[in-house]
Amino acid sequence: MTKRVRVRLTEYGKIQEFDSGNFVLNKGQKVLVETEQGLALGIVCDAPRSQEEGLPIKPANKVYRLASQKDIGKFEKKGQVEKDVYTFCGERIKERSLSMSLVAVDRHYDGSKIIVYFTADQRVDFRELVRDLVQKYRTRVEMRQIGARHQAKMFGGLGICGRPLCCSSFLNTFAPVSIKMAKTQSLSLNPAKISGMCGRLMCCLTYEHDFYEKATQNIPKNGKAVSTAHGKGKVVRQNVLRETLTVALESGEEMEILQQEVLENRDSHNQNSDNNKKIDEQGDNNIKSDKQANNGQNRNIKENNKQKQ
């Protein structure tokens, strides 16, 4: 049975699950783990736990080995080199007047590659900058342009809910977010209230969107004319969680009623309209049959006239 252990790769970064194999690990230990960029040093967040039976086994990278003092020294050197590259790169960007904003620098654990993250409003010709970095550090250099969301994910922080940012905590991909999701959930459209630290719409708007979309599918929309036991009016507010509607009656009074009261009226209205459609269809069929009978009689009369002649 496989065991999983949660490891934090950076001080305030996202916690990831790894296959602990046969290692006996305790909280706070430093380990080397396999990642897409190669080996990385992380800190164990809790003791390994067995995978529950019956649950699908998700693929996970493995814990390579326990970190030694030499590994910890290499990791500290990695951090110093990243700071040096960040300072040097920032100076070169100013000297060359490049329209780009430096975000972060990441150096592979084995020193085989340096990745420079930056943001820019348009394409930037950074070939001379890469040449400067390669000449000084004698290693492969990759310039990677990222968006505002990825920038917030790398830095982390606290959202307006008081919890760590979702993107830096557990989200692996960014789902598309639209203003329609905020409207469906009857949220304020004030940009300050529905935007995250990145300045884009908050990712959490997608969490309950499917529920609200299904719940409001058969509910009259705002501004819809409805009939209630208290009279006719228009829907001015929806409360999906309480399953109520606020209706402005023709008398000028606002009243909160249950959704079922309006739905019953809609069902009876739909049933009446269906009956009317059936009656209309039957009438159309009768008219068609009468026309066909008349056409047949006219043909017989014409044939008889021809035979007499």
Protein backbone atom coordinates (compact mmCIF):
# COMPACT_ATOMS: atom_id res chain seq x y z
CA MET A 1 0.00 0.00 0.00
CA THR A 2 1.40 3.37 -1.03
CA LYS A 3 1.89 6.15 1.47
CA ARG A 4 1.59 9.86 0.77
CA VAL A 5 3.35 12.69 2.56
CA ARG A 6 2.71 16.41 2.28
CA VAL A 7 5.77 18.55 1.57
CA ARG A 8 6.14 22.33 1.32
CA LEU A 9 8.79 23.27 -1.25
CA THR A 10 9.14 26.94 -0.31
CA GLU A 11 8.63 28.82 2.94
CA TYR A 12 5.18 30.12 2.04
CA GLY A 13 4.52 28.02 -1.05
CA LYS A 14 1.91 25.43 -1.91
CA ILE A 15 1.88 22.10 -0.09
CA GLN A 16 2.16 19.13 -2.46
CA GLU A 17 1.72 15.39 -1.97
CA PHE A 18 4.55 12.97 -2.72
CA ASP A 19 4.96 9.22 -2.60
CA SER A 20 7.02 8.60 0.55
CA GLY A 21 7.99 5.05 -0.46
CA ASN A 22 9.75 3.21 2.40
CA PHE A 23 11.08 6.34 4.11
CA VAL A 24 10.14 6.93 7.75
CA LEU A 25 9.46 10.67 7.86
CA ASN A 26 8.49 13.05 10.63
CA LYS A 27 7.09 16.56 10.58
CA GLY A 28 9.77 19.21 10.07
CA GLN A 29 12.32 16.97 8.33
CA LYS A 30 13.97 18.21 5.15
CA VAL A 31 13.83 15.93 2.12
CA LEU A 32 14.76 15.94 -1.55
CA VAL A 33 11.78 15.35 -3.83
CA GLU A 34 11.39 14.83 -7.56
CA THR A 35 9.66 17.65 -9.46
CA GLU A 36 9.17 18.62 -13.09
CA GLN A 37 12.22 20.93 -12.82
CA GLY A 38 14.38 18.21 -11.22
CA LEU A 39 15.27 17.68 -7.58
CA ALA A 40 14.00 20.19 -5.01
CA LEU A 41 14.38 20.55 -1.27
CA GLY A 42 11.23 20.65 0.86
CA ILE A 43 10.00 20.40 4.44
CA VAL A 44 7.69 17.59 5.59
CA CYS A 45 4.41 19.04 6.89
CA ASP A 46 3.03 15.88 8.56
CA ALA A 47 3.70 12.17 8.91
CA PRO A 48 3.03 9.90 5.90
CA ARG A 49 -0.45 8.39 5.72
CA SER A 50 -1.72 5.33 3.86
CA GLN A 51 -3.89 5.68 0.81
CA GLU A 52 -7.49 4.79 1.67
CA GLU A 53 -8.81 1.64 0.02
CA GLY A 54 -11.36 2.09 -2.73
CA LEU A 55 -10.17 5.57 -3.67
CA PRO A 56 -8.49 6.11 -7.05
CA ILE A 57 -4.72 6.33 -6.80
CA LYS A 58 -3.50 9.64 -8.18
CA PRO A 59 -0.02 9.72 -9.70
CA ALA A 60 2.49 11.53 -7.53
CA ASN A 61 6.22 12.26 -7.63
CA LYS A 62 8.44 10.44 -5.19
CA VAL A 63 10.58 11.45 -2.24
CA TYR A 64 14.14 11.01 -3.48
CA ARG A 65 15.91 10.81 -0.09
CA LEU A 66 16.45 12.60 3.19
CA ALA A 67 18.36 15.86 2.85
CA SER A 68 21.92 15.97 4.16
CA GLN A 69 23.88 19.00 5.38
CA LYS A 70 25.51 19.18 1.97
CA ASP A 71 22.08 19.32 0.31
CA ILE A 72 20.96 22.07 2.69
CA GLY A 73 24.14 24.01 1.90
CA LYS A 74 23.47 23.70 -1.84
CA PHE A 75 19.92 24.96 -1.26
CA GLU A 76 21.18 28.00 0.64
CA LYS A 77 23.65 28.69 -2.16
CA LYS A 78 20.79 28.40 -4.63
CA GLY A 79 18.92 31.16 -2.79
CA GLN A 80 21.98 33.44 -2.78
CA VAL A 81 22.51 32.94 -6.52
CA GLU A 82 18.83 33.73 -7.19
CA LYS A 83 19.12 37.02 -5.29
CA ASP A 84 22.29 37.89 -7.21
CA VAL A 85 20.65 37.10 -10.56
CA TYR A 86 17.58 39.16 -9.61
CA THR A 87 19.71 42.21 -8.78
CA PHE A 88 21.90 41.88 -11.88
CA CYS A 89 18.91 41.31 -14.17
CA GLY A 90 17.07 44.32 -12.75
CA GLU A 91 20.08 46.55 -13.42
CA ARG A 92 20.37 45.31 -17.01
CA ILE A 93 16.65 45.89 -17.63
CA LYS A 94 17.02 49.52 -16.55
CA GLU A 95 20.20 50.04 -18.59
CA ARG A 96 18.60 48.62 -21.74
CA SER A 97 15.26 50.41 -21.09
CA LEU A 98 13.24 47.25 -21.58
CA SER A 99 9.48 47.56 -21.05
CA MET A 100 9.20 44.61 -18.68
CA SER A 101 8.75 44.07 -14.96
CA LEU A 102 10.95 41.53 -13.22
CA VAL A 103 8.97 39.16 -10.96
CA ALA A 104 11.21 36.36 -9.67
CA VAL A 105 14.21 34.15 -10.44
CA ASP A 106 14.31 30.38 -10.03
CA ARG A 107 17.54 28.38 -10.26
CA HIS A 108 17.43 24.61 -10.59
CA TYR A 109 18.78 22.71 -7.61
CA ASP A 110 21.67 21.30 -9.66
CA GLY A 111 22.44 24.71 -11.20
CA SER A 112 21.80 23.53 -14.76
CA LYS A 113 19.27 26.22 -15.58
CA ILE A 114 18.04 29.66 -14.46
CA ILE A 115 14.46 30.76 -15.13
CA VAL A 116 13.63 34.48 -15.05
CA TYR A 117 9.93 35.32 -14.63
CA PHE A 118 8.66 38.69 -15.83
CA THR A 119 5.48 40.51 -16.83
CA ALA A 120 5.00 42.78 -19.83
CA ASP A 121 2.14 44.36 -21.72
CA GLN A 122 3.57 43.33 -25.08
CA ARG A 123 6.32 41.26 -26.68
CA VAL A 124 9.82 42.17 -25.53
CA ASP A 125 13.10 41.59 -27.34
CA PHE A 126 15.26 40.29 -24.48
CA ARG A 127 17.99 38.59 -26.52
CA GLU A 128 20.68 41.02 -25.36
CA LEU A 129 19.57 40.53 -21.74
CA VAL A 130 19.85 36.75 -22.05
CA ARG A 131 23.31 37.14 -23.56
CA ASP A 132 24.40 39.22 -20.54
CA LEU A 133 23.09 36.61 -18.10
CA VAL A 134 24.72 33.69 -19.92
CA GLN A 135 28.09 35.45 -20.07
CA LYS A 136 28.09 36.07 -16.33
CA TYR A 137 26.57 32.85 -14.90
CA ARG A 138 27.67 30.35 -17.57
CA THR A 139 24.44 28.34 -17.57
CA ARG A 140 21.21 28.02 -19.53
CA VAL A 141 18.83 30.97 -19.09
CA GLU A 142 15.11 30.91 -19.85
CA MET A 143 12.97 34.05 -19.91
CA ARG A 144 9.36 33.21 -19.06
CA GLN A 145 6.59 35.78 -19.42
CA ILE A 146 3.68 35.29 -16.99
CA GLY A 147 0.34 36.96 -16.32
CA ALA A 148 -0.98 38.78 -13.29
CA ARG A 149 -2.58 35.60 -11.89
CA HIS A 150 0.65 33.62 -12.03
CA GLN A 151 2.44 36.52 -10.38
CA ALA A 152 0.01 36.43 -7.44
CA LYS A 153 0.40 32.65 -7.29
CA MET A 154 4.17 32.92 -6.98
CA PHE A 155 4.15 35.64 -4.29
CA GLY A 156 1.12 34.44 -2.31
CA GLY A 157 -0.73 36.51 0.25
CA LEU A 158 -4.08 36.79 2.01
CA GLY A 159 -7.39 37.29 0.24
CA ILE A 160 -10.31 39.45 1.39
CA CYS A 161 -11.69 36.34 3.15
CA GLY A 162 -8.65 36.33 5.45
CA ARG A 163 -7.32 33.00 4.13
CA PRO A 164 -4.21 32.37 1.98
CA LEU A 165 -4.74 32.86 -1.73
CA CYS A 166 -6.34 29.86 -3.44
CA CYS A 167 -3.88 30.02 -6.33
CA SER A 168 -0.86 29.76 -4.03
CA SER A 169 -2.48 27.18 -1.72
CA PHE A 170 -4.11 24.41 -3.76
CA LEU A 171 -5.10 25.49 -7.29
CA ASN A 172 -3.09 23.83 -10.05
CA THR A 173 -4.80 25.48 -13.03
CA PHE A 174 -6.73 28.70 -13.60
CA ALA A 175 -10.34 28.24 -14.69
CA PRO A 176 -11.90 30.98 -16.84
CA VAL A 177 -13.89 33.50 -14.77
CA SER A 178 -16.51 35.88 -16.16
CA ILE A 179 -18.63 38.71 -14.78
CA LYS A 180 -21.69 36.57 -15.55
CA MET A 181 -20.74 34.31 -12.63
CA ALA A 182 -20.98 37.23 -10.21
CA LYS A 183 -24.36 38.22 -11.67
CA THR A 184 -25.70 34.66 -11.34
CA GLN A 185 -24.72 34.62 -7.65
CA SER A 186 -26.31 38.07 -7.08
CA LEU A 187 -23.00 39.54 -5.95
CA SER A 188 -22.04 43.18 -5.98
CA LEU A 189 -20.48 44.18 -9.29
CA ASN A 190 -18.09 46.57 -7.56
CA PRO A 191 -14.62 45.65 -8.95
CA ALA A 192 -13.02 46.17 -5.53
CA LYS A 193 -15.23 43.43 -4.02
CA ILE A 194 -14.99 40.76 -6.73
CA SER A 195 -11.34 41.23 -7.76
CA GLY A 196 -8.37 39.45 -6.21
CA MET A 197 -4.83 40.62 -5.46
CA CYS A 198 -3.94 40.09 -9.11
CA GLY A 199 -6.54 42.65 -10.20
CA ARG A 200 -8.55 39.97 -12.04
CA LEU A 201 -11.89 38.44 -11.07
CA MET A 202 -11.53 36.15 -8.06
CA CYS A 203 -11.06 32.45 -8.81
CA CYS A 204 -13.55 31.50 -6.07
CA LEU A 205 -16.40 32.82 -8.24
CA THR A 206 -16.22 29.51 -10.12
CA TYR A 207 -16.63 27.30 -7.04
CA GLU A 208 -20.42 27.69 -6.64
CA HIS A 209 -21.28 28.80 -10.16
CA ASP A 210 -22.63 25.40 -11.27
CA PHE A 211 -24.89 25.19 -8.19
CA TYR A 212 -26.33 28.66 -8.73
CA GLU A 213 -26.78 28.02 -12.44
CA LYS A 214 -28.84 24.89 -11.78
CA ALA A 215 -30.74 26.44 -8.87
CA THR A 216 -31.78 29.50 -10.89
CA GLN A 217 -32.66 27.56 -14.03
CA ASN A 218 -36.41 27.37 -13.27
CA ILE A 219 -36.70 30.56 -11.21
CA PRO A 220 -38.14 33.78 -12.68
CA LYS A 221 -35.37 36.27 -13.39
CA ASN A 222 -35.20 39.79 -11.98
CA GLY A 223 -37.67 42.04 -13.78
CA LYS A 224 -39.89 39.12 -14.78
CA ALA A 225 -43.65 39.67 -14.39
CA VAL A 226 -45.20 37.01 -12.14
CA SER A 227 -48.54 36.19 -10.54
CA THR A 228 -48.78 35.39 -6.83
CA ALA A 229 -51.53 34.79 -4.30
CA HIS A 230 -51.15 38.44 -3.28
CA GLY A 231 -51.49 39.78 -6.81
CA LYS A 232 -49.34 40.47 -9.86
CA GLY A 233 -45.90 42.01 -9.68
CA LYS A 234 -42.27 41.88 -10.80
CA VAL A 235 -39.32 40.00 -9.34
CA VAL A 236 -36.76 42.40 -7.88
CA ARG A 237 -34.47 40.01 -5.91
CA GLN A 238 -33.64 36.32 -5.73
CA ASN A 239 -32.42 34.46 -2.65
CA VAL A 240 -31.27 31.09 -3.93
CA LEU A 241 -30.15 29.71 -0.56
CA ARG A 242 -33.43 30.55 1.20
CA GLU A 243 -35.40 29.65 -1.95
CA THR A 244 -37.38 32.89 -1.84
CA LEU A 245 -38.19 35.73 -4.22
CA THR A 246 -38.82 39.38 -3.46
CA VAL A 247 -41.69 40.63 -5.61
CA ALA A 248 -42.74 44.25 -6.09
CA LEU A 249 -46.54 44.11 -6.28
CA GLU A 250 -48.63 46.45 -8.42
CA SER A 251 -49.86 48.06 -5.21
CA GLY A 252 -46.28 49.28 -4.55
CA GLU A 253 -45.62 46.83 -1.72
CA GLU A 254 -42.60 44.51 -1.70
CA MET A 255 -43.21 40.98 -0.45
CA GLU A 256 -40.92 37.98 0.01
CA ILE A 257 -42.55 34.74 -1.10
CA LEU A 258 -41.44 31.17 -1.62
CA GLN A 259 -40.31 30.11 -5.07
CA GLN A 260 -42.92 27.33 -5.15
CA GLU A 261 -45.78 29.82 -5.09
CA VAL A 262 -44.59 31.35 -8.34
CA LEU A 263 -43.57 28.03 -9.85
CA GLU A 264 -47.10 26.65 -9.39
CA ASN A 265 -48.51 29.57 -11.33
CA ARG A 266 -45.91 29.07 -14.02
CA ASP A 267 -46.69 25.34 -14.21
CA SER A 268 -50.44 26.01 -14.57
CA HIS A 269 -49.67 28.66 -17.19
CA ASN A 270 -47.41 26.25 -19.07
CA GLN A 271 -50.06 23.53 -18.86
CA ASN A 272 -52.73 25.87 -20.26
CA SER A 273 -50.42 26.96 -23.04
CA ASP A 274 -49.70 23.31 -23.86
CA ASN A 275 -53.44 22.57 -23.99
CA ASN A 276 -54.00 25.57 -26.26
CA LYS A 277 -51.21 24.35 -28.54
CA LYS A 278 -52.84 20.91 -28.74
CA ILE A 279 -56.22 22.45 -29.58
CA ASP A 280 -54.61 24.59 -32.28
CA GLU A 281 -52.81 21.58 -33.70
CA GLN A 282 -56.06 19.57 -33.79
CA GLY A 283 -57.80 22.45 -35.52
CA ASP A 284 -55.02 22.68 -38.09
CA ASN A 285 -55.25 18.94 -38.72
CA ASN A 286 -59.03 19.14 -39.20
CA ILE A 287 -58.63 22.00 -41.67
CA LYS A 288 -56.01 20.04 -43.61
CA SER A 289 -58.24 16.93 -43.74
CA ASP A 290 -61.21 19.03 -44.96
CA LYS A 291 -59.07 20.59 -47.67
CA GLN A 292 -57.86 17.15 -48.78
CA ALA A 293 -61.48 15.84 -48.90
CA ASN A 294 -62.61 18.83 -50.95
CA ASN A 295 -59.71 18.41 -53.34
CA GLY A 296 -60.62 14.73 -53.79
CA GLN A 297 -64.26 15.56 -54.56
CA ASN A 298 -63.26 18.19 -57.11
CA ARG A 299 -61.03 15.67 -58.87
CA ASN A 300 -63.87 13.11 -59.07
CA ILE A 301 -66.23 15.72 -60.56
CA LYS A 302 -63.66 16.70 -63.21
CA GLU A 303 -63.08 13.06 -64.16
CA ASN A 304 -66.86 12.44 -64.52
CA ASN A 305 -67.25 15.50 -66.75
CA LYS A 306 -64.44 14.30 -69.00
CA GLN A 307 -66.06 10.83 -69.37
CA LYS A 308 -69.45 12.38 -70.33
CA GLN A 309 -67.81 14.50 -72.98
